[in-house]
Amino acid sequence: MTRRYTARAAVTAECDASGRTRLTRLRSDGPLAVRETAEAVYLIGAAAGPLGGDRLELDLEVGPGARLAIRSVATTLALPGDGESVFTVRARVAEGGHLDFAPEPTVAACGCDHRSVSDITLAEGASLRWREELILGRHREEPGRHTSRIDVTAGGLPLLRHELRLDETYRSRAVIGDARAAGSVVLAGPDLARTAAVEEALAVMPLAGPGVLVSALATDSAALRRRLTHGETLAGRGERSPRPALSGAG
């Protein structure tokens, strides 16, 4: 019998009267486990996958003035199974809040059919750092199918609608050439220096609003991370955001 998971995890961060960020909701579900540390909330895979047929969701809420950093303890391995797997992240950041979402890469294993959906809403004065990295197959392996969709709305207006779809056509040199890794960083906020730059396999593109999109290709995950970090520097914001002060969930 084929295993199929339907799971929904959630994290809510709120700012208390002293200005300290407090996690008021920290909910794990199925293969999606969330764990709090002093500097971030970590995603932990409690089961293999996602496998084909899985439907996984993560809800993130950042209250006014609160700060939340999301990380993961390991790469995510998208595996084949019964149909398409989907991982949906919905994030809402209130005025003065900051969300830093930067998990480890996703590996599109041979035969997988995976879709990643990110729906982010920023209030006026909210800020964001959102990094996604994709590795095309394991070592000496052809990758499966992978689609990544990022929608960002800021102050009630569309800031970014971005989709990367990699299937059989990825082998065309007109798409990603010889790259085995692709990634992006979305930076948004009122204090962001909106700088444009184009280098080899790297583009830093100001958006029509308070944001910048950094896109990069590379031969492997280490080179991709270096290029994205360099792109963030060019855009006017380094890799690390200020450390959030967290206290436990109630």
C-alpha atoms as a PDB file:
ATOM      1  CA  MET A   1       0.000   0.000   0.000  1.00  0.00           C
ATOM      2  CA  THR A   2       1.339   3.441  -0.922  1.00  0.00           C
ATOM      3  CA  ARG A   3       1.943   5.855   1.908  1.00  0.00           C
ATOM      4  CA  ARG A   4       0.376   9.293   1.571  1.00  0.00           C
ATOM      5  CA  TYR A   5       0.738  12.022   4.155  1.00  0.00           C
ATOM      6  CA  THR A   6      -1.529  15.028   4.548  1.00  0.00           C
ATOM      7  CA  ALA A   7       0.003  17.232   7.225  1.00  0.00           C
ATOM      8  CA  ARG A   8      -0.168  20.847   8.370  1.00  0.00           C
ATOM      9  CA  ALA A   9       2.390  22.384  10.727  1.00  0.00           C
ATOM     10  CA  ALA A  10       2.328  25.952  12.035  1.00  0.00           C
ATOM     11  CA  VAL A  11       4.465  28.569  13.782  1.00  0.00           C
ATOM     12  CA  THR A  12       3.275  31.904  15.183  1.00  0.00           C
ATOM     13  CA  ALA A  13       5.648  34.566  16.533  1.00  0.00           C
ATOM     14  CA  GLU A  14       4.393  37.562  18.504  1.00  0.00           C
ATOM     15  CA  CYS A  15       6.135  40.491  20.184  1.00  0.00           C
ATOM     16  CA  ASP A  16       5.476  40.972  23.903  1.00  0.00           C
ATOM     17  CA  ALA A  17       5.424  44.249  25.877  1.00  0.00           C
ATOM     18  CA  SER A  18       9.187  44.082  26.477  1.00  0.00           C
ATOM     19  CA  GLY A  19       9.936  43.831  22.742  1.00  0.00           C
ATOM     20  CA  ARG A  20      10.890  40.153  22.937  1.00  0.00           C
ATOM     21  CA  THR A  21       9.594  37.732  20.327  1.00  0.00           C
ATOM     22  CA  ARG A  22       7.550  34.906  21.793  1.00  0.00           C
ATOM     23  CA  LEU A  23       6.415  31.772  19.988  1.00  0.00           C
ATOM     24  CA  THR A  24       2.717  31.423  20.769  1.00  0.00           C
ATOM     25  CA  ARG A  25       2.107  28.519  18.399  1.00  0.00           C
ATOM     26  CA  LEU A  26       4.506  25.700  17.523  1.00  0.00           C
ATOM     27  CA  ARG A  27       2.629  22.804  15.957  1.00  0.00           C
ATOM     28  CA  SER A  28       4.148  19.717  14.325  1.00  0.00           C
ATOM     29  CA  ASP A  29       2.172  17.305  12.176  1.00  0.00           C
ATOM     30  CA  GLY A  30       3.158  14.014  10.556  1.00  0.00           C
ATOM     31  CA  PRO A  31       6.526  14.296   8.786  1.00  0.00           C
ATOM     32  CA  LEU A  32       6.690  18.043   9.481  1.00  0.00           C
ATOM     33  CA  ALA A  33       8.267  18.571  12.902  1.00  0.00           C
ATOM     34  CA  VAL A  34       9.202  22.039  14.184  1.00  0.00           C
ATOM     35  CA  ARG A  35      11.688  22.627  17.001  1.00  0.00           C
ATOM     36  CA  GLU A  36      12.632  25.860  18.733  1.00  0.00           C
ATOM     37  CA  THR A  37      16.221  26.931  19.420  1.00  0.00           C
ATOM     38  CA  ALA A  38      17.641  30.200  20.725  1.00  0.00           C
ATOM     39  CA  GLU A  39      18.263  31.592  17.246  1.00  0.00           C
ATOM     40  CA  ALA A  40      15.611  29.986  15.003  1.00  0.00           C
ATOM     41  CA  VAL A  41      12.811  27.476  14.542  1.00  0.00           C
ATOM     42  CA  TYR A  42      14.074  24.349  12.765  1.00  0.00           C
ATOM     43  CA  LEU A  43      12.158  22.090  10.395  1.00  0.00           C
ATOM     44  CA  ILE A  44      12.906  18.422  11.058  1.00  0.00           C
ATOM     45  CA  GLY A  45      11.850  15.624   8.724  1.00  0.00           C
ATOM     46  CA  ALA A  46      10.065  13.090  10.929  1.00  0.00           C
ATOM     47  CA  ALA A  47       9.630  10.722   7.972  1.00  0.00           C
ATOM     48  CA  ALA A  48      11.192  10.186   4.547  1.00  0.00           C
ATOM     49  CA  GLY A  49      10.074  12.413   1.753  1.00  0.00           C
ATOM     50  CA  PRO A  50       8.084  14.138   0.559  1.00  0.00           C
ATOM     51  CA  LEU A  51       6.960  11.132  -1.460  1.00  0.00           C
ATOM     52  CA  GLY A  52       4.679  11.318  -4.469  1.00  0.00           C
ATOM     53  CA  GLY A  53       1.126  11.870  -3.262  1.00  0.00           C
ATOM     54  CA  ASP A  54       2.080  13.730  -0.068  1.00  0.00           C
ATOM     55  CA  ARG A  55       0.369  17.051   0.695  1.00  0.00           C
ATOM     56  CA  LEU A  56       2.363  19.026   3.261  1.00  0.00           C
ATOM     57  CA  GLU A  57       1.580  22.543   4.512  1.00  0.00           C
ATOM     58  CA  LEU A  58       3.388  24.988   6.781  1.00  0.00           C
ATOM     59  CA  ASP A  59       1.678  28.133   8.103  1.00  0.00           C
ATOM     60  CA  LEU A  60       3.857  30.986   9.393  1.00  0.00           C
ATOM     61  CA  GLU A  61       2.510  34.041  11.224  1.00  0.00           C
ATOM     62  CA  VAL A  62       4.708  36.943  12.347  1.00  0.00           C
ATOM     63  CA  GLY A  63       2.991  39.563  14.478  1.00  0.00           C
ATOM     64  CA  PRO A  64       3.679  43.318  14.614  1.00  0.00           C
ATOM     65  CA  GLY A  65       7.318  43.969  15.535  1.00  0.00           C
ATOM     66  CA  ALA A  66       8.135  40.253  15.922  1.00  0.00           C
ATOM     67  CA  ARG A  67      11.064  38.441  14.283  1.00  0.00           C
ATOM     68  CA  LEU A  68      11.089  34.828  13.116  1.00  0.00           C
ATOM     69  CA  ALA A  69      13.868  32.784  11.506  1.00  0.00           C
ATOM     70  CA  ILE A  70      13.083  29.397   9.917  1.00  0.00           C
ATOM     71  CA  ARG A  71      15.861  26.889   9.203  1.00  0.00           C
ATOM     72  CA  SER A  72      16.111  23.130   8.617  1.00  0.00           C
ATOM     73  CA  VAL A  73      18.497  20.529   9.988  1.00  0.00           C
ATOM     74  CA  ALA A  74      19.089  18.774   6.638  1.00  0.00           C
ATOM     75  CA  THR A  75      18.277  18.808   2.953  1.00  0.00           C
ATOM     76  CA  THR A  76      14.797  17.858   1.776  1.00  0.00           C
ATOM     77  CA  LEU A  77      14.746  14.832  -0.538  1.00  0.00           C
ATOM     78  CA  ALA A  78      11.778  14.769  -2.930  1.00  0.00           C
ATOM     79  CA  LEU A  79      11.135  11.120  -3.845  1.00  0.00           C
ATOM     80  CA  PRO A  80       8.925   9.341  -6.386  1.00  0.00           C
ATOM     81  CA  GLY A  81       5.646   7.805  -5.297  1.00  0.00           C
ATOM     82  CA  ASP A  82       1.992   7.814  -6.223  1.00  0.00           C
ATOM     83  CA  GLY A  83       1.515  11.043  -8.175  1.00  0.00           C
ATOM     84  CA  GLU A  84       2.639  14.588  -7.448  1.00  0.00           C
ATOM     85  CA  SER A  85       3.866  15.716  -4.034  1.00  0.00           C
ATOM     86  CA  VAL A  86       3.138  19.274  -2.888  1.00  0.00           C
ATOM     87  CA  PHE A  87       4.699  21.367  -0.131  1.00  0.00           C
ATOM     88  CA  THR A  88       2.866  24.648   0.500  1.00  0.00           C
ATOM     89  CA  VAL A  89       4.164  27.407   2.769  1.00  0.00           C
ATOM     90  CA  ARG A  90       1.852  30.289   3.672  1.00  0.00           C
ATOM     91  CA  ALA A  91       3.465  33.210   5.472  1.00  0.00           C
ATOM     92  CA  ARG A  92       1.916  36.386   6.863  1.00  0.00           C
ATOM     93  CA  VAL A  93       4.115  39.162   8.274  1.00  0.00           C
ATOM     94  CA  ALA A  94       2.526  42.103  10.101  1.00  0.00           C
ATOM     95  CA  GLU A  95       3.733  45.705  10.230  1.00  0.00           C
ATOM     96  CA  GLY A  96       7.273  45.967  11.586  1.00  0.00           C
ATOM     97  CA  GLY A  97       7.679  42.186  11.599  1.00  0.00           C
ATOM     98  CA  HIS A  98      10.546  40.300   9.962  1.00  0.00           C
ATOM     99  CA  LEU A  99      10.626  36.765   8.517  1.00  0.00           C
ATOM    100  CA  ASP A 100      13.895  35.040   7.563  1.00  0.00           C
ATOM    101  CA  PHE A 101      13.129  31.758   5.767  1.00  0.00           C
ATOM    102  CA  ALA A 102      16.263  29.868   4.711  1.00  0.00           C
ATOM    103  CA  PRO A 103      16.036  26.058   4.914  1.00  0.00           C
ATOM    104  CA  GLU A 104      18.629  23.710   3.456  1.00  0.00           C
ATOM    105  CA  PRO A 105      18.286  22.779  -0.250  1.00  0.00           C
ATOM    106  CA  THR A 106      15.703  20.492  -1.797  1.00  0.00           C
ATOM    107  CA  VAL A 107      17.052  17.587  -3.872  1.00  0.00           C
ATOM    108  CA  ALA A 108      14.849  16.489  -6.785  1.00  0.00           C
ATOM    109  CA  ALA A 109      15.583  12.742  -6.860  1.00  0.00           C
ATOM    110  CA  CYS A 110      15.185  10.686 -10.010  1.00  0.00           C
ATOM    111  CA  GLY A 111      11.522   9.977 -10.747  1.00  0.00           C
ATOM    112  CA  CYS A 112      10.052  12.540  -8.368  1.00  0.00           C
ATOM    113  CA  ASP A 113       7.217  14.906  -9.321  1.00  0.00           C
ATOM    114  CA  HIS A 114       7.310  17.670  -6.725  1.00  0.00           C
ATOM    115  CA  ARG A 115       5.740  21.105  -6.484  1.00  0.00           C
ATOM    116  CA  SER A 116       6.763  23.780  -3.984  1.00  0.00           C
ATOM    117  CA  VAL A 117       4.332  26.670  -3.411  1.00  0.00           C
ATOM    118  CA  SER A 118       5.156  29.758  -1.330  1.00  0.00           C
ATOM    119  CA  ASP A 119       2.440  32.353  -0.658  1.00  0.00           C
ATOM    120  CA  ILE A 120       3.771  35.352   1.307  1.00  0.00           C
ATOM    121  CA  THR A 121       1.868  38.433   2.423  1.00  0.00           C
ATOM    122  CA  LEU A 122       3.719  41.426   3.881  1.00  0.00           C
ATOM    123  CA  ALA A 123       2.019  44.333   5.614  1.00  0.00           C
ATOM    124  CA  GLU A 124       3.310  47.887   5.212  1.00  0.00           C
ATOM    125  CA  GLY A 125       6.681  48.157   6.962  1.00  0.00           C
ATOM    126  CA  ALA A 126       7.258  44.386   7.137  1.00  0.00           C
ATOM    127  CA  SER A 127      10.528  42.853   5.905  1.00  0.00           C
ATOM    128  CA  LEU A 128      11.473  39.505   4.403  1.00  0.00           C
ATOM    129  CA  ARG A 129      14.391  37.282   3.480  1.00  0.00           C
ATOM    130  CA  TRP A 130      13.273  34.143   1.617  1.00  0.00           C
ATOM    131  CA  ARG A 131      15.848  31.698   0.234  1.00  0.00           C
ATOM    132  CA  GLU A 132      15.116  28.602  -1.833  1.00  0.00           C
ATOM    133  CA  GLU A 133      17.731  26.231  -3.287  1.00  0.00           C
ATOM    134  CA  LEU A 134      17.196  23.268  -5.610  1.00  0.00           C
ATOM    135  CA  ILE A 135      19.665  20.478  -6.419  1.00  0.00           C
ATOM    136  CA  LEU A 136      18.952  18.571  -9.628  1.00  0.00           C
ATOM    137  CA  GLY A 137      19.260  14.933  -8.650  1.00  0.00           C
ATOM    138  CA  ARG A 138      21.538  13.005  -6.348  1.00  0.00           C
ATOM    139  CA  HIS A 139      25.135  12.167  -7.264  1.00  0.00           C
ATOM    140  CA  ARG A 140      25.333  10.714 -10.796  1.00  0.00           C
ATOM    141  CA  GLU A 141      21.543  10.692 -11.046  1.00  0.00           C
ATOM    142  CA  GLU A 142      19.116  12.374 -13.412  1.00  0.00           C
ATOM    143  CA  PRO A 143      16.645  14.647 -11.596  1.00  0.00           C
ATOM    144  CA  GLY A 144      12.913  14.272 -11.465  1.00  0.00           C
ATOM    145  CA  ARG A 145      10.294  16.943 -12.130  1.00  0.00           C
ATOM    146  CA  HIS A 146      10.204  20.000  -9.885  1.00  0.00           C
ATOM    147  CA  THR A 147       8.158  23.201  -9.922  1.00  0.00           C
ATOM    148  CA  SER A 148       8.778  26.081  -7.538  1.00  0.00           C
ATOM    149  CA  ARG A 149       6.280  28.940  -7.266  1.00  0.00           C
ATOM    150  CA  ILE A 150       6.779  32.065  -5.116  1.00  0.00           C
ATOM    151  CA  ASP A 151       4.073  34.741  -4.771  1.00  0.00           C
ATOM    152  CA  VAL A 152       4.823  37.790  -2.620  1.00  0.00           C
ATOM    153  CA  THR A 153       2.294  40.542  -1.895  1.00  0.00           C
ATOM    154  CA  ALA A 154       3.480  43.676  -0.064  1.00  0.00           C
ATOM    155  CA  GLY A 155       1.201  46.402   1.234  1.00  0.00           C
ATOM    156  CA  GLY A 156      -1.740  44.911  -0.666  1.00  0.00           C
ATOM    157  CA  LEU A 157       0.081  45.033  -4.033  1.00  0.00           C
ATOM    158  CA  PRO A 158       1.811  42.233  -5.980  1.00  0.00           C
ATOM    159  CA  LEU A 159       5.573  42.369  -5.420  1.00  0.00           C
ATOM    160  CA  LEU A 160       6.691  39.119  -7.071  1.00  0.00           C
ATOM    161  CA  ARG A 161       5.156  36.302  -9.088  1.00  0.00           C
ATOM    162  CA  HIS A 162       7.970  33.865  -9.835  1.00  0.00           C
ATOM    163  CA  GLU A 163       7.917  30.268 -11.079  1.00  0.00           C
ATOM    164  CA  LEU A 164      10.742  27.872 -11.948  1.00  0.00           C
ATOM    165  CA  ARG A 165       9.590  24.703 -13.706  1.00  0.00           C
ATOM    166  CA  LEU A 166      12.143  21.995 -14.400  1.00  0.00           C
ATOM    167  CA  ASP A 167      11.094  18.869 -16.265  1.00  0.00           C
ATOM    168  CA  GLU A 168      12.356  17.060 -19.344  1.00  0.00           C
ATOM    169  CA  THR A 169      13.096  20.387 -21.048  1.00  0.00           C
ATOM    170  CA  TYR A 170      15.663  21.348 -18.390  1.00  0.00           C
ATOM    171  CA  ARG A 171      18.286  19.483 -20.413  1.00  0.00           C
ATOM    172  CA  SER A 172      18.153  22.236 -23.037  1.00  0.00           C
ATOM    173  CA  ARG A 173      21.180  24.526 -22.748  1.00  0.00           C
ATOM    174  CA  ALA A 174      18.787  27.411 -23.378  1.00  0.00           C
ATOM    175  CA  VAL A 175      17.183  26.809 -19.957  1.00  0.00           C
ATOM    176  CA  ILE A 176      19.897  26.253 -17.334  1.00  0.00           C
ATOM    177  CA  GLY A 177      22.868  25.020 -19.372  1.00  0.00           C
ATOM    178  CA  ASP A 178      25.121  22.654 -17.443  1.00  0.00           C
ATOM    179  CA  ALA A 179      23.926  23.782 -14.011  1.00  0.00           C
ATOM    180  CA  ARG A 180      22.967  21.184 -11.438  1.00  0.00           C
ATOM    181  CA  ALA A 181      21.740  23.674  -8.853  1.00  0.00           C
ATOM    182  CA  ALA A 182      19.393  26.661  -9.014  1.00  0.00           C
ATOM    183  CA  GLY A 183      18.286  29.061  -6.327  1.00  0.00           C
ATOM    184  CA  SER A 184      16.827  32.422  -5.427  1.00  0.00           C
ATOM    185  CA  VAL A 185      16.622  34.875  -2.557  1.00  0.00           C
ATOM    186  CA  VAL A 186      13.772  37.355  -2.209  1.00  0.00           C
ATOM    187  CA  LEU A 187      14.593  40.415  -0.101  1.00  0.00           C
ATOM    188  CA  ALA A 188      11.885  42.900   0.820  1.00  0.00           C
ATOM    189  CA  GLY A 189      11.523  45.758   3.248  1.00  0.00           C
ATOM    190  CA  PRO A 190      11.500  49.514   3.642  1.00  0.00           C
ATOM    191  CA  ASP A 191      15.248  49.721   4.476  1.00  0.00           C
ATOM    192  CA  LEU A 192      16.454  47.659   1.506  1.00  0.00           C
ATOM    193  CA  ALA A 193      19.028  49.086  -0.913  1.00  0.00           C
ATOM    194  CA  ARG A 194      17.548  48.173  -4.308  1.00  0.00           C
ATOM    195  CA  THR A 195      20.745  47.514  -6.258  1.00  0.00           C
ATOM    196  CA  ALA A 196      20.902  45.807  -9.679  1.00  0.00           C
ATOM    197  CA  ALA A 197      23.793  43.609 -10.818  1.00  0.00           C
ATOM    198  CA  VAL A 198      24.486  40.876 -13.377  1.00  0.00           C
ATOM    199  CA  GLU A 199      27.457  38.514 -13.145  1.00  0.00           C
ATOM    200  CA  GLU A 200      28.193  35.011 -14.428  1.00  0.00           C
ATOM    201  CA  ALA A 201      25.221  32.792 -13.485  1.00  0.00           C
ATOM    202  CA  LEU A 202      23.967  35.472 -11.058  1.00  0.00           C
ATOM    203  CA  ALA A 203      21.374  38.231 -11.379  1.00  0.00           C
ATOM    204  CA  VAL A 204      20.295  40.804  -8.804  1.00  0.00           C
ATOM    205  CA  MET A 205      17.052  42.401  -9.957  1.00  0.00           C
ATOM    206  CA  PRO A 206      15.161  45.214  -8.181  1.00  0.00           C
ATOM    207  CA  LEU A 207      11.418  44.650  -8.168  1.00  0.00           C
ATOM    208  CA  ALA A 208       8.647  47.163  -8.846  1.00  0.00           C
ATOM    209  CA  GLY A 209       8.191  47.726  -5.137  1.00  0.00           C
ATOM    210  CA  PRO A 210      10.208  47.411  -1.916  1.00  0.00           C
ATOM    211  CA  GLY A 211      12.128  44.302  -2.955  1.00  0.00           C
ATOM    212  CA  VAL A 212      14.984  42.601  -4.804  1.00  0.00           C
ATOM    213  CA  LEU A 213      15.154  39.146  -6.415  1.00  0.00           C
ATOM    214  CA  VAL A 214      18.529  37.364  -6.436  1.00  0.00           C
ATOM    215  CA  SER A 215      18.733  34.387  -8.834  1.00  0.00           C
ATOM    216  CA  ALA A 216      21.703  32.080  -9.409  1.00  0.00           C
ATOM    217  CA  LEU A 217      22.773  28.864 -11.119  1.00  0.00           C
ATOM    218  CA  ALA A 218      25.754  26.686 -10.212  1.00  0.00           C
ATOM    219  CA  THR A 219      27.343  23.286 -10.722  1.00  0.00           C
ATOM    220  CA  ASP A 220      26.748  22.180  -7.122  1.00  0.00           C
ATOM    221  CA  SER A 221      25.117  23.245  -3.863  1.00  0.00           C
ATOM    222  CA  ALA A 222      28.225  24.805  -2.318  1.00  0.00           C
ATOM    223  CA  ALA A 223      28.842  27.032  -5.345  1.00  0.00           C
ATOM    224  CA  LEU A 224      25.146  27.974  -5.423  1.00  0.00           C
ATOM    225  CA  ARG A 225      25.191  29.059  -1.768  1.00  0.00           C
ATOM    226  CA  ARG A 226      28.288  31.211  -2.368  1.00  0.00           C
ATOM    227  CA  ARG A 227      26.678  32.915  -5.355  1.00  0.00           C
ATOM    228  CA  LEU A 228      23.430  33.618  -3.548  1.00  0.00           C
ATOM    229  CA  THR A 229      25.300  35.004  -0.539  1.00  0.00           C
ATOM    230  CA  HIS A 230      27.330  37.234  -2.847  1.00  0.00           C
ATOM    231  CA  GLY A 231      24.118  38.365  -4.536  1.00  0.00           C
ATOM    232  CA  GLU A 232      22.631  39.326  -1.179  1.00  0.00           C
ATOM    233  CA  THR A 233      25.724  41.404  -0.446  1.00  0.00           C
ATOM    234  CA  LEU A 234      25.388  43.156  -3.800  1.00  0.00           C
ATOM    235  CA  ALA A 235      21.731  43.828  -3.043  1.00  0.00           C
ATOM    236  CA  GLY A 236      22.706  45.573   0.168  1.00  0.00           C
ATOM    237  CA  ARG A 237      21.862  42.913   2.745  1.00  0.00           C
ATOM    238  CA  GLY A 238      24.235  40.237   4.086  1.00  0.00           C
ATOM    239  CA  GLU A 239      23.388  36.576   4.639  1.00  0.00           C
ATOM    240  CA  ARG A 240      22.504  36.892   8.306  1.00  0.00           C
ATOM    241  CA  SER A 241      19.620  38.909   9.622  1.00  0.00           C
ATOM    242  CA  PRO A 242      19.726  40.179  13.211  1.00  0.00           C
ATOM    243  CA  ARG A 243      19.207  37.296  15.632  1.00  0.00           C
ATOM    244  CA  PRO A 244      15.618  37.122  16.875  1.00  0.00           C
ATOM    245  CA  ALA A 245      15.058  36.976  20.622  1.00  0.00           C
ATOM    246  CA  LEU A 246      12.769  33.996  21.172  1.00  0.00           C
ATOM    247  CA  SER A 247      10.953  32.644  24.159  1.00  0.00           C
ATOM    248  CA  GLY A 248       8.916  29.453  24.353  1.00  0.00           C
ATOM    249  CA  ALA A 249       5.497  28.812  22.893  1.00  0.00           C
ATOM    250  CA  GLY A 250       2.583  29.180  25.218  1.00  0.00           C
END
